[in-house]
Amino acid sequence: MSMMDRLLRAMNAMANADTEGVERGGMLGEQYAESVIDDGQNGCCVRNPMIPHPRRPGVFLETDFLVYKQGVMYCVEVKNFKGKVYYPARYRTVFLEQGWFIFKRRIPQVVVDGYDYSKMVQQKMGQGGRGPDIREMPNPILKTQRYIDDLKRYLYRIDARLQSLPMYPVLAFSEKADISAIYQFDAGIMYISQLPSFFEKYGNPAFSRSPAPWILQSLRRLPTWDLVLTSGNKWFNGILADRDFHFQTTDGRWQVLPYTQIDSIEVHKERAFSSVYDCVCITFVDGTQRSFPCIAGQIHLKRFKGEQQVHNISNVSKLIVGIANKC
């Protein structure tokens, strides 16, 4: 079974009816986090790195970002939450004696007995101003730590030198959330805007700010999703269904470019001689760029539960080509 087939199986297994709304909010949080994390100068940032599940064939594990900065790697999970976030309380029953002499009796009373750090609770206002909407979930930073354990084994097979690099789990929230009850900067629980400060504090000054080539090469071997940003500012992730990017230029010719050679594609609206066309700017993996006047073309994206989306180039703002379809 090819890597693409296994990734599609993983997508199908993870999908549910409520995916679209949650996914859109999560992607907005990830976009903001990426703008904070990736300064374009130092370090290396891999968005949505995936690794095969070590015990469940066809299933993949994923985190939001893998960041390398000065000799340290960080697995960053991003939450675009609103409202309060806190640990749920644990309770136990104690017995209190009440009364006097032969009239004494033991009365059970439930009291708080610390907090359950294996879980987190998000509490926000319900839609339309209705009562609070309370959602309990497994603690994301514990999930990220488990991901790190599997990621280490995967990366070590790529390059054994990665064994010398420490990896820290990080949980970052948007500023819309009240995380005062769980906030622990040094434990890796913070706001997205604080990520650069965390990387700076825990980076190893013995390492150069520019990653060594072997580190970049190793991290770029991690599979990632392909991402489509529509002109309506909506992100969709999946796997490109075609091996090549097909589009028609204003001279009527069809251009065919392999996705394996493309890093990203940006589409800009242009008007010339009273006719409408799109300017397609392609950035290749070697860093070079080319622009074409485009009048037709489509991008086919395989998603969850066998769904295939067709995006006309005229309705696309950007395509980020991952490496899942290249494996």
C-alpha atoms as a PDB file:
ATOM      1  CA  MET A   1       0.000   0.000   0.000  1.00  0.00           C
ATOM      2  CA  SER A   2       1.393   3.409  -0.995  1.00  0.00           C
ATOM      3  CA  MET A   3       1.960   6.282   1.430  1.00  0.00           C
ATOM      4  CA  MET A   4      -0.940   8.154  -0.195  1.00  0.00           C
ATOM      5  CA  ASP A   5      -3.342   5.245   0.321  1.00  0.00           C
ATOM      6  CA  ARG A   6      -2.335   4.985   3.976  1.00  0.00           C
ATOM      7  CA  LEU A   7      -2.760   8.721   4.501  1.00  0.00           C
ATOM      8  CA  LEU A   8      -6.228   8.608   2.990  1.00  0.00           C
ATOM      9  CA  ARG A   9      -7.135   5.760   5.319  1.00  0.00           C
ATOM     10  CA  ALA A  10      -5.901   7.856   8.217  1.00  0.00           C
ATOM     11  CA  MET A  11      -8.006  10.808   7.085  1.00  0.00           C
ATOM     12  CA  ASN A  12     -11.095   8.632   6.773  1.00  0.00           C
ATOM     13  CA  ALA A  13     -10.579   7.206  10.254  1.00  0.00           C
ATOM     14  CA  MET A  14     -10.207  10.646  11.838  1.00  0.00           C
ATOM     15  CA  ALA A  15     -13.162  12.262  10.067  1.00  0.00           C
ATOM     16  CA  ASN A  16     -16.535  13.027  11.672  1.00  0.00           C
ATOM     17  CA  ALA A  17     -19.625  15.069  10.804  1.00  0.00           C
ATOM     18  CA  ASP A  18     -18.482  18.083  12.810  1.00  0.00           C
ATOM     19  CA  THR A  19     -15.031  18.295  11.245  1.00  0.00           C
ATOM     20  CA  GLU A  20     -15.545  21.321   9.010  1.00  0.00           C
ATOM     21  CA  GLY A  21     -16.383  23.935  11.649  1.00  0.00           C
ATOM     22  CA  VAL A  22     -13.770  22.735  14.117  1.00  0.00           C
ATOM     23  CA  GLU A  23     -11.185  22.420  11.366  1.00  0.00           C
ATOM     24  CA  ARG A  24     -11.781  25.961  10.109  1.00  0.00           C
ATOM     25  CA  GLY A  25     -11.309  27.456  13.564  1.00  0.00           C
ATOM     26  CA  GLY A  26      -8.237  25.331  14.146  1.00  0.00           C
ATOM     27  CA  MET A  27      -6.695  26.391  10.852  1.00  0.00           C
ATOM     28  CA  LEU A  28      -7.217  30.066  11.660  1.00  0.00           C
ATOM     29  CA  GLY A  29      -5.370  29.522  14.933  1.00  0.00           C
ATOM     30  CA  GLU A  30      -2.602  27.660  13.110  1.00  0.00           C
ATOM     31  CA  GLN A  31      -2.254  30.459  10.545  1.00  0.00           C
ATOM     32  CA  TYR A  32      -1.790  33.000  13.310  1.00  0.00           C
ATOM     33  CA  ALA A  33       0.643  30.719  15.134  1.00  0.00           C
ATOM     34  CA  GLU A  34       2.684  30.154  11.966  1.00  0.00           C
ATOM     35  CA  SER A  35       3.058  33.906  11.478  1.00  0.00           C
ATOM     36  CA  VAL A  36       4.400  34.152  15.055  1.00  0.00           C
ATOM     37  CA  ILE A  37       6.660  31.089  14.892  1.00  0.00           C
ATOM     38  CA  ASP A  38       8.209  31.384  11.463  1.00  0.00           C
ATOM     39  CA  ASP A  39      10.237  34.587  11.233  1.00  0.00           C
ATOM     40  CA  GLY A  40      11.704  33.497   7.897  1.00  0.00           C
ATOM     41  CA  GLN A  41      15.268  33.911   9.182  1.00  0.00           C
ATOM     42  CA  ASN A  42      16.177  31.538  11.985  1.00  0.00           C
ATOM     43  CA  GLY A  43      15.270  27.973  12.762  1.00  0.00           C
ATOM     44  CA  CYS A  44      12.940  25.652  10.898  1.00  0.00           C
ATOM     45  CA  CYS A  45       9.162  25.184  11.167  1.00  0.00           C
ATOM     46  CA  VAL A  46       7.211  22.188   9.811  1.00  0.00           C
ATOM     47  CA  ARG A  47       3.447  22.581   9.839  1.00  0.00           C
ATOM     48  CA  ASN A  48       1.228  19.534  10.524  1.00  0.00           C
ATOM     49  CA  PRO A  49       3.991  16.897  10.470  1.00  0.00           C
ATOM     50  CA  MET A  50       2.637  13.348  10.358  1.00  0.00           C
ATOM     51  CA  ILE A  51       4.235  10.054  11.315  1.00  0.00           C
ATOM     52  CA  PRO A  52       2.946   6.487  10.927  1.00  0.00           C
ATOM     53  CA  HIS A  53       1.337   5.078  14.063  1.00  0.00           C
ATOM     54  CA  PRO A  54       3.816   2.511  15.438  1.00  0.00           C
ATOM     55  CA  ARG A  55       1.108  -0.012  16.334  1.00  0.00           C
ATOM     56  CA  ARG A  56      -1.821   0.701  13.982  1.00  0.00           C
ATOM     57  CA  PRO A  57      -0.988   0.305  10.279  1.00  0.00           C
ATOM     58  CA  GLY A  58      -2.712   2.872   8.060  1.00  0.00           C
ATOM     59  CA  VAL A  59      -3.128   5.370  10.919  1.00  0.00           C
ATOM     60  CA  PHE A  60      -1.037   8.523  11.241  1.00  0.00           C
ATOM     61  CA  LEU A  61      -0.197  10.717  14.222  1.00  0.00           C
ATOM     62  CA  GLU A  62      -0.097  14.489  13.807  1.00  0.00           C
ATOM     63  CA  THR A  63       0.774  17.670  15.669  1.00  0.00           C
ATOM     64  CA  ASP A  64       0.344  21.293  14.618  1.00  0.00           C
ATOM     65  CA  PHE A  65       3.990  22.377  14.393  1.00  0.00           C
ATOM     66  CA  LEU A  66       7.447  20.934  14.780  1.00  0.00           C
ATOM     67  CA  VAL A  67       9.857  23.814  15.414  1.00  0.00           C
ATOM     68  CA  TYR A  68      13.647  23.693  15.534  1.00  0.00           C
ATOM     69  CA  LYS A  69      15.452  26.603  17.208  1.00  0.00           C
ATOM     70  CA  GLN A  70      19.088  26.598  18.345  1.00  0.00           C
ATOM     71  CA  GLY A  71      19.629  22.935  19.104  1.00  0.00           C
ATOM     72  CA  VAL A  72      16.131  22.271  20.501  1.00  0.00           C
ATOM     73  CA  MET A  73      12.951  20.920  18.892  1.00  0.00           C
ATOM     74  CA  TYR A  74       9.473  21.865  20.066  1.00  0.00           C
ATOM     75  CA  CYS A  75       6.221  20.067  19.312  1.00  0.00           C
ATOM     76  CA  VAL A  76       3.623  22.824  19.391  1.00  0.00           C
ATOM     77  CA  GLU A  77      -0.099  22.135  19.722  1.00  0.00           C
ATOM     78  CA  VAL A  78      -2.263  25.197  19.014  1.00  0.00           C
ATOM     79  CA  LYS A  79      -5.765  25.789  20.419  1.00  0.00           C
ATOM     80  CA  ASN A  80      -7.904  28.580  18.966  1.00  0.00           C
ATOM     81  CA  PHE A  81     -10.245  28.605  21.987  1.00  0.00           C
ATOM     82  CA  LYS A  82     -12.611  31.138  23.468  1.00  0.00           C
ATOM     83  CA  GLY A  83     -13.768  31.313  27.077  1.00  0.00           C
ATOM     84  CA  LYS A  84     -12.130  29.817  30.163  1.00  0.00           C
ATOM     85  CA  VAL A  85      -9.840  26.797  30.190  1.00  0.00           C
ATOM     86  CA  TYR A  86      -9.164  24.935  33.423  1.00  0.00           C
ATOM     87  CA  TYR A  87      -8.472  21.527  34.942  1.00  0.00           C
ATOM     88  CA  PRO A  88     -11.530  19.662  36.241  1.00  0.00           C
ATOM     89  CA  ALA A  89     -11.713  19.207  39.982  1.00  0.00           C
ATOM     90  CA  ARG A  90     -11.490  15.776  41.606  1.00  0.00           C
ATOM     91  CA  TYR A  91     -13.829  14.926  44.450  1.00  0.00           C
ATOM     92  CA  ARG A  92     -13.891  12.469  47.306  1.00  0.00           C
ATOM     93  CA  THR A  93     -16.400  11.645  50.005  1.00  0.00           C
ATOM     94  CA  VAL A  94     -15.580  12.271  53.674  1.00  0.00           C
ATOM     95  CA  PHE A  95     -17.754  11.493  56.712  1.00  0.00           C
ATOM     96  CA  LEU A  96     -18.392  14.135  59.360  1.00  0.00           C
ATOM     97  CA  GLU A  97     -19.807  13.375  62.767  1.00  0.00           C
ATOM     98  CA  GLN A  98     -22.816  15.406  63.777  1.00  0.00           C
ATOM     99  CA  GLY A  99     -24.953  15.351  66.922  1.00  0.00           C
ATOM    100  CA  TRP A 100     -24.080  14.533  70.545  1.00  0.00           C
ATOM    101  CA  PHE A 101     -23.680  11.386  72.620  1.00  0.00           C
ATOM    102  CA  ILE A 102     -26.013   8.584  71.466  1.00  0.00           C
ATOM    103  CA  PHE A 103     -27.433  10.895  68.804  1.00  0.00           C
ATOM    104  CA  LYS A 104     -24.160  11.105  66.899  1.00  0.00           C
ATOM    105  CA  ARG A 105     -24.245  10.079  63.252  1.00  0.00           C
ATOM    106  CA  ARG A 106     -21.833  10.161  60.340  1.00  0.00           C
ATOM    107  CA  ILE A 107     -22.881  12.414  57.486  1.00  0.00           C
ATOM    108  CA  PRO A 108     -21.238  11.949  54.040  1.00  0.00           C
ATOM    109  CA  GLN A 109     -19.942  15.116  52.420  1.00  0.00           C
ATOM    110  CA  VAL A 110     -18.325  15.528  49.013  1.00  0.00           C
ATOM    111  CA  VAL A 111     -15.194  17.736  49.025  1.00  0.00           C
ATOM    112  CA  VAL A 112     -12.685  18.871  46.401  1.00  0.00           C
ATOM    113  CA  ASP A 113      -9.597  16.640  46.313  1.00  0.00           C
ATOM    114  CA  GLY A 114      -7.255  18.424  43.928  1.00  0.00           C
ATOM    115  CA  TYR A 115      -7.483  18.527  40.139  1.00  0.00           C
ATOM    116  CA  ASP A 116      -7.449  15.997  37.332  1.00  0.00           C
ATOM    117  CA  TYR A 117      -4.445  17.058  35.253  1.00  0.00           C
ATOM    118  CA  SER A 118      -5.114  14.384  32.646  1.00  0.00           C
ATOM    119  CA  LYS A 119      -8.004  16.491  31.319  1.00  0.00           C
ATOM    120  CA  MET A 120      -8.896  20.090  30.464  1.00  0.00           C
ATOM    121  CA  VAL A 121     -12.244  21.858  30.330  1.00  0.00           C
ATOM    122  CA  GLN A 122     -13.248  24.649  27.977  1.00  0.00           C
ATOM    123  CA  GLN A 123     -16.164  26.784  29.164  1.00  0.00           C
ATOM    124  CA  LYS A 124     -17.644  29.421  26.866  1.00  0.00           C
ATOM    125  CA  MET A 125     -20.973  31.084  26.193  1.00  0.00           C
ATOM    126  CA  GLY A 126     -23.361  29.045  24.087  1.00  0.00           C
ATOM    127  CA  GLN A 127     -24.561  30.216  20.702  1.00  0.00           C
ATOM    128  CA  GLY A 128     -27.095  33.016  20.773  1.00  0.00           C
ATOM    129  CA  GLY A 129     -26.117  33.976  24.324  1.00  0.00           C
ATOM    130  CA  ARG A 130     -27.473  30.749  25.780  1.00  0.00           C
ATOM    131  CA  GLY A 131     -26.020  29.202  28.934  1.00  0.00           C
ATOM    132  CA  PRO A 132     -22.399  28.086  29.201  1.00  0.00           C
ATOM    133  CA  ASP A 133     -21.125  25.487  26.756  1.00  0.00           C
ATOM    134  CA  ILE A 134     -18.789  23.139  28.659  1.00  0.00           C
ATOM    135  CA  ARG A 135     -16.496  20.700  26.848  1.00  0.00           C
ATOM    136  CA  GLU A 136     -14.097  18.293  28.528  1.00  0.00           C
ATOM    137  CA  MET A 137     -11.132  16.870  26.629  1.00  0.00           C
ATOM    138  CA  PRO A 138      -7.916  14.916  27.256  1.00  0.00           C
ATOM    139  CA  ASN A 139      -5.043  17.193  28.255  1.00  0.00           C
ATOM    140  CA  PRO A 140      -3.489  18.221  24.897  1.00  0.00           C
ATOM    141  CA  ILE A 141       0.024  18.572  26.306  1.00  0.00           C
ATOM    142  CA  LEU A 142      -0.005  14.930  27.422  1.00  0.00           C
ATOM    143  CA  LYS A 143      -1.078  13.940  23.895  1.00  0.00           C
ATOM    144  CA  THR A 144       1.804  16.008  22.527  1.00  0.00           C
ATOM    145  CA  GLN A 145       4.260  14.277  24.862  1.00  0.00           C
ATOM    146  CA  ARG A 146       3.101  10.885  23.580  1.00  0.00           C
ATOM    147  CA  TYR A 147       3.542  12.170  20.029  1.00  0.00           C
ATOM    148  CA  ILE A 148       7.119  13.171  20.884  1.00  0.00           C
ATOM    149  CA  ASP A 149       7.889   9.643  22.089  1.00  0.00           C
ATOM    150  CA  ASP A 150       6.811   8.216  18.712  1.00  0.00           C
ATOM    151  CA  LEU A 151       8.373  11.073  16.749  1.00  0.00           C
ATOM    152  CA  LYS A 152      11.773  10.414  18.306  1.00  0.00           C
ATOM    153  CA  ARG A 153      11.745   6.819  17.132  1.00  0.00           C
ATOM    154  CA  TYR A 154      10.712   7.921  13.642  1.00  0.00           C
ATOM    155  CA  LEU A 155      13.307  10.693  13.338  1.00  0.00           C
ATOM    156  CA  TYR A 156      16.122   8.589  14.745  1.00  0.00           C
ATOM    157  CA  ARG A 157      15.681   6.202  11.815  1.00  0.00           C
ATOM    158  CA  ILE A 158      16.128   9.159   9.456  1.00  0.00           C
ATOM    159  CA  ASP A 159      19.288  10.434  11.149  1.00  0.00           C
ATOM    160  CA  ALA A 160      20.691   9.046  14.411  1.00  0.00           C
ATOM    161  CA  ARG A 161      22.254  12.432  15.211  1.00  0.00           C
ATOM    162  CA  LEU A 162      18.789  13.714  16.101  1.00  0.00           C
ATOM    163  CA  GLN A 163      19.103  11.708  19.331  1.00  0.00           C
ATOM    164  CA  SER A 164      21.191  14.531  20.774  1.00  0.00           C
ATOM    165  CA  LEU A 165      18.439  17.137  20.329  1.00  0.00           C
ATOM    166  CA  PRO A 166      15.983  17.620  23.222  1.00  0.00           C
ATOM    167  CA  MET A 167      12.271  17.856  22.371  1.00  0.00           C
ATOM    168  CA  TYR A 168       9.744  19.824  24.435  1.00  0.00           C
ATOM    169  CA  PRO A 169       5.936  19.704  24.272  1.00  0.00           C
ATOM    170  CA  VAL A 170       4.267  23.120  24.015  1.00  0.00           C
ATOM    171  CA  LEU A 171       0.582  24.028  24.268  1.00  0.00           C
ATOM    172  CA  ALA A 172      -0.260  27.484  22.920  1.00  0.00           C
ATOM    173  CA  PHE A 173      -3.648  29.227  23.117  1.00  0.00           C
ATOM    174  CA  SER A 174      -5.033  32.198  21.244  1.00  0.00           C
ATOM    175  CA  GLU A 175      -5.391  35.383  23.266  1.00  0.00           C
ATOM    176  CA  LYS A 176      -9.195  34.970  23.137  1.00  0.00           C
ATOM    177  CA  ALA A 177      -8.954  32.287  25.841  1.00  0.00           C
ATOM    178  CA  ASP A 178      -8.644  32.810  29.587  1.00  0.00           C
ATOM    179  CA  ILE A 179      -5.954  30.306  30.606  1.00  0.00           C
ATOM    180  CA  SER A 180      -5.089  31.850  33.972  1.00  0.00           C
ATOM    181  CA  ALA A 181      -6.094  28.606  35.723  1.00  0.00           C
ATOM    182  CA  ILE A 182      -3.654  26.450  33.715  1.00  0.00           C
ATOM    183  CA  TYR A 183      -0.976  28.945  32.633  1.00  0.00           C
ATOM    184  CA  GLN A 184       2.584  27.656  33.209  1.00  0.00           C
ATOM    185  CA  PHE A 185       5.107  29.297  30.903  1.00  0.00           C
ATOM    186  CA  ASP A 186       8.068  27.164  31.955  1.00  0.00           C
ATOM    187  CA  ALA A 187       5.970  24.008  31.628  1.00  0.00           C
ATOM    188  CA  GLY A 188       5.121  24.950  28.027  1.00  0.00           C
ATOM    189  CA  ILE A 189       1.534  26.204  28.534  1.00  0.00           C
ATOM    190  CA  MET A 190       1.175  29.768  27.260  1.00  0.00           C
ATOM    191  CA  TYR A 191      -0.320  32.146  24.718  1.00  0.00           C
ATOM    192  CA  ILE A 192       0.667  31.945  21.044  1.00  0.00           C
ATOM    193  CA  SER A 193       2.266  35.399  21.215  1.00  0.00           C
ATOM    194  CA  GLN A 194       4.700  34.117  23.859  1.00  0.00           C
ATOM    195  CA  LEU A 195       6.169  31.335  21.713  1.00  0.00           C
ATOM    196  CA  PRO A 196       9.204  33.343  20.509  1.00  0.00           C
ATOM    197  CA  SER A 197      10.090  34.192  24.119  1.00  0.00           C
ATOM    198  CA  PHE A 198       9.847  30.517  25.083  1.00  0.00           C
ATOM    199  CA  PHE A 199      12.072  29.458  22.176  1.00  0.00           C
ATOM    200  CA  GLU A 200      14.585  32.153  23.076  1.00  0.00           C
ATOM    201  CA  LYS A 201      14.703  31.133  26.736  1.00  0.00           C
ATOM    202  CA  TYR A 202      15.178  27.424  26.140  1.00  0.00           C
ATOM    203  CA  GLY A 203      17.368  27.543  23.044  1.00  0.00           C
ATOM    204  CA  ASN A 204      20.939  26.331  23.394  1.00  0.00           C
ATOM    205  CA  PRO A 205      23.331  29.271  22.788  1.00  0.00           C
ATOM    206  CA  ALA A 206      26.041  26.810  21.783  1.00  0.00           C
ATOM    207  CA  PHE A 207      24.134  26.196  18.540  1.00  0.00           C
ATOM    208  CA  SER A 208      24.002  28.573  15.606  1.00  0.00           C
ATOM    209  CA  ARG A 209      20.710  30.348  14.947  1.00  0.00           C
ATOM    210  CA  SER A 210      20.810  28.946  11.401  1.00  0.00           C
ATOM    211  CA  PRO A 211      20.077  25.187  11.362  1.00  0.00           C
ATOM    212  CA  ALA A 212      22.699  22.847   9.989  1.00  0.00           C
ATOM    213  CA  PRO A 213      21.814  21.466   6.530  1.00  0.00           C
ATOM    214  CA  TRP A 214      21.448  17.912   7.829  1.00  0.00           C
ATOM    215  CA  ILE A 215      18.788  19.043  10.312  1.00  0.00           C
ATOM    216  CA  LEU A 216      16.786  20.801   7.588  1.00  0.00           C
ATOM    217  CA  GLN A 217      17.054  17.780   5.309  1.00  0.00           C
ATOM    218  CA  SER A 218      15.856  15.434   8.055  1.00  0.00           C
ATOM    219  CA  LEU A 219      12.848  17.542   9.024  1.00  0.00           C
ATOM    220  CA  ARG A 220      11.818  18.026   5.412  1.00  0.00           C
ATOM    221  CA  ARG A 221      11.386  14.264   5.106  1.00  0.00           C
ATOM    222  CA  LEU A 222       8.359  14.380   7.413  1.00  0.00           C
ATOM    223  CA  PRO A 223       5.035  14.048   5.519  1.00  0.00           C
ATOM    224  CA  THR A 224       2.618  17.005   5.659  1.00  0.00           C
ATOM    225  CA  TRP A 225      -0.847  17.764   4.264  1.00  0.00           C
ATOM    226  CA  ASP A 226      -1.459  19.780   1.117  1.00  0.00           C
ATOM    227  CA  LEU A 227      -3.342  23.010   1.941  1.00  0.00           C
ATOM    228  CA  VAL A 228      -5.723  25.051  -0.235  1.00  0.00           C
ATOM    229  CA  LEU A 229      -6.713  28.612   0.691  1.00  0.00           C
ATOM    230  CA  THR A 230      -9.780  29.768  -1.235  1.00  0.00           C
ATOM    231  CA  SER A 231     -10.510  33.328  -2.324  1.00  0.00           C
ATOM    232  CA  GLY A 232     -13.163  33.282   0.424  1.00  0.00           C
ATOM    233  CA  ASN A 233     -10.349  32.890   2.977  1.00  0.00           C
ATOM    234  CA  LYS A 234     -11.184  29.286   3.890  1.00  0.00           C
ATOM    235  CA  TRP A 235      -8.479  26.659   4.371  1.00  0.00           C
ATOM    236  CA  PHE A 236      -8.875  23.016   3.340  1.00  0.00           C
ATOM    237  CA  ASN A 237      -6.359  20.249   3.948  1.00  0.00           C
ATOM    238  CA  GLY A 238      -6.038  16.941   2.165  1.00  0.00           C
ATOM    239  CA  ILE A 239      -3.969  15.209  -0.491  1.00  0.00           C
ATOM    240  CA  LEU A 240      -3.647  16.390  -4.065  1.00  0.00           C
ATOM    241  CA  ALA A 241      -5.380  13.884  -6.342  1.00  0.00           C
ATOM    242  CA  ASP A 242      -3.254  14.673  -9.403  1.00  0.00           C
ATOM    243  CA  ARG A 243       0.479  14.264  -9.908  1.00  0.00           C
ATOM    244  CA  ASP A 244       0.718  17.457 -11.975  1.00  0.00           C
ATOM    245  CA  PHE A 245      -0.621  21.002 -11.898  1.00  0.00           C
ATOM    246  CA  HIS A 246      -2.619  21.601 -15.112  1.00  0.00           C
ATOM    247  CA  PHE A 247      -3.655  25.097 -16.196  1.00  0.00           C
ATOM    248  CA  GLN A 248      -4.361  27.009 -19.400  1.00  0.00           C
ATOM    249  CA  THR A 249      -2.594  30.253 -20.280  1.00  0.00           C
ATOM    250  CA  THR A 250      -3.957  33.176 -22.270  1.00  0.00           C
ATOM    251  CA  ASP A 251      -2.420  31.826 -25.507  1.00  0.00           C
ATOM    252  CA  GLY A 252      -4.652  28.740 -25.209  1.00  0.00           C
ATOM    253  CA  ARG A 253      -1.857  26.353 -24.279  1.00  0.00           C
ATOM    254  CA  TRP A 254      -2.062  23.954 -21.360  1.00  0.00           C
ATOM    255  CA  GLN A 255       0.859  23.945 -18.948  1.00  0.00           C
ATOM    256  CA  VAL A 256       1.744  20.807 -16.966  1.00  0.00           C
ATOM    257  CA  LEU A 257       4.062  21.129 -13.939  1.00  0.00           C
ATOM    258  CA  PRO A 258       4.787  18.250 -11.507  1.00  0.00           C
ATOM    259  CA  TYR A 259       3.667  18.971  -7.946  1.00  0.00           C
ATOM    260  CA  THR A 260       6.882  17.333  -6.750  1.00  0.00           C
ATOM    261  CA  GLN A 261       8.745  20.393  -8.032  1.00  0.00           C
ATOM    262  CA  ILE A 262       6.363  22.957  -6.513  1.00  0.00           C
ATOM    263  CA  ASP A 263       6.587  24.470  -3.045  1.00  0.00           C
ATOM    264  CA  SER A 264       3.549  26.781  -3.264  1.00  0.00           C
ATOM    265  CA  ILE A 265       1.235  28.544  -5.706  1.00  0.00           C
ATOM    266  CA  GLU A 266      -0.332  31.978  -5.269  1.00  0.00           C
ATOM    267  CA  VAL A 267      -3.167  33.270  -7.441  1.00  0.00           C
ATOM    268  CA  HIS A 268      -3.713  36.996  -8.049  1.00  0.00           C
ATOM    269  CA  LYS A 269      -6.518  38.616 -10.022  1.00  0.00           C
ATOM    270  CA  GLU A 270      -5.412  40.618 -13.045  1.00  0.00           C
ATOM    271  CA  ARG A 271      -7.269  42.679 -15.641  1.00  0.00           C
ATOM    272  CA  ALA A 272      -5.858  43.500 -19.035  1.00  0.00           C
ATOM    273  CA  PHE A 273      -7.425  44.595 -22.339  1.00  0.00           C
ATOM    274  CA  SER A 274     -10.930  44.290 -20.813  1.00  0.00           C
ATOM    275  CA  SER A 275     -10.470  40.552 -20.217  1.00  0.00           C
ATOM    276  CA  VAL A 276     -10.136  38.875 -16.847  1.00  0.00           C
ATOM    277  CA  TYR A 277      -7.399  36.371 -16.088  1.00  0.00           C
ATOM    278  CA  ASP A 278      -5.489  35.159 -13.061  1.00  0.00           C
ATOM    279  CA  CYS A 279      -1.796  35.661 -12.456  1.00  0.00           C
ATOM    280  CA  VAL A 280      -0.447  32.356 -11.144  1.00  0.00           C
ATOM    281  CA  CYS A 281       2.847  32.776  -9.256  1.00  0.00           C
ATOM    282  CA  ILE A 282       4.616  29.463  -8.646  1.00  0.00           C
ATOM    283  CA  THR A 283       7.416  29.039  -6.122  1.00  0.00           C
ATOM    284  CA  PHE A 284       9.457  25.926  -6.808  1.00  0.00           C
ATOM    285  CA  VAL A 285      11.253  23.779  -4.256  1.00  0.00           C
ATOM    286  CA  ASP A 286      14.607  25.166  -5.398  1.00  0.00           C
ATOM    287  CA  GLY A 287      13.466  28.704  -4.508  1.00  0.00           C
ATOM    288  CA  THR A 288      12.933  29.970  -8.052  1.00  0.00           C
ATOM    289  CA  GLN A 289       9.654  31.584  -9.105  1.00  0.00           C
ATOM    290  CA  ARG A 290       7.673  31.862 -12.327  1.00  0.00           C
ATOM    291  CA  SER A 291       4.431  33.680 -13.141  1.00  0.00           C
ATOM    292  CA  PHE A 292       1.834  32.775 -15.767  1.00  0.00           C
ATOM    293  CA  PRO A 293      -1.407  34.414 -16.990  1.00  0.00           C
ATOM    294  CA  CYS A 294      -4.048  31.755 -16.348  1.00  0.00           C
ATOM    295  CA  ILE A 295      -7.567  31.526 -17.799  1.00  0.00           C
ATOM    296  CA  ALA A 296      -8.575  28.008 -16.724  1.00  0.00           C
ATOM    297  CA  GLY A 297      -7.558  25.119 -14.502  1.00  0.00           C
ATOM    298  CA  GLN A 298      -8.555  23.134 -11.438  1.00  0.00           C
ATOM    299  CA  ILE A 299      -7.043  21.700  -8.270  1.00  0.00           C
ATOM    300  CA  HIS A 300      -8.395  18.342  -7.105  1.00  0.00           C
ATOM    301  CA  LEU A 301      -8.082  17.621  -3.385  1.00  0.00           C
ATOM    302  CA  LYS A 302      -8.864  14.283  -1.711  1.00  0.00           C
ATOM    303  CA  ARG A 303     -10.265  14.756   1.763  1.00  0.00           C
ATOM    304  CA  PHE A 304     -12.221  12.851   4.418  1.00  0.00           C
ATOM    305  CA  LYS A 305     -14.481   9.844   3.857  1.00  0.00           C
ATOM    306  CA  GLY A 306     -13.550   9.643   0.209  1.00  0.00           C
ATOM    307  CA  GLU A 307     -14.657  13.232  -0.487  1.00  0.00           C
ATOM    308  CA  GLN A 308     -12.940  14.911  -3.424  1.00  0.00           C
ATOM    309  CA  GLN A 309     -13.066  18.682  -3.785  1.00  0.00           C
ATOM    310  CA  VAL A 310     -12.633  20.497  -7.074  1.00  0.00           C
ATOM    311  CA  HIS A 311     -11.280  24.040  -6.748  1.00  0.00           C
ATOM    312  CA  ASN A 312     -11.257  26.252  -9.827  1.00  0.00           C
ATOM    313  CA  ILE A 313      -8.038  28.238  -9.953  1.00  0.00           C
ATOM    314  CA  SER A 314     -10.109  31.426 -10.193  1.00  0.00           C
ATOM    315  CA  ASN A 315     -11.473  30.639  -6.712  1.00  0.00           C
ATOM    316  CA  VAL A 316      -8.099  29.785  -5.137  1.00  0.00           C
ATOM    317  CA  SER A 317      -5.845  32.238  -3.339  1.00  0.00           C
ATOM    318  CA  LYS A 318      -2.996  29.905  -2.384  1.00  0.00           C
ATOM    319  CA  LEU A 319      -1.904  26.279  -2.523  1.00  0.00           C
ATOM    320  CA  ILE A 320       0.790  24.950  -0.200  1.00  0.00           C
ATOM    321  CA  VAL A 321       2.131  21.653  -1.480  1.00  0.00           C
ATOM    322  CA  GLY A 322       3.020  19.261   1.303  1.00  0.00           C
ATOM    323  CA  ILE A 323       5.118  16.166   0.817  1.00  0.00           C
ATOM    324  CA  ALA A 324       2.459  13.544   1.604  1.00  0.00           C
ATOM    325  CA  ASN A 325       1.710  13.134  -2.113  1.00  0.00           C
ATOM    326  CA  LYS A 326       5.423  12.812  -2.927  1.00  0.00           C
ATOM    327  CA  CYS A 327       6.172   9.787  -0.741  1.00  0.00           C
END
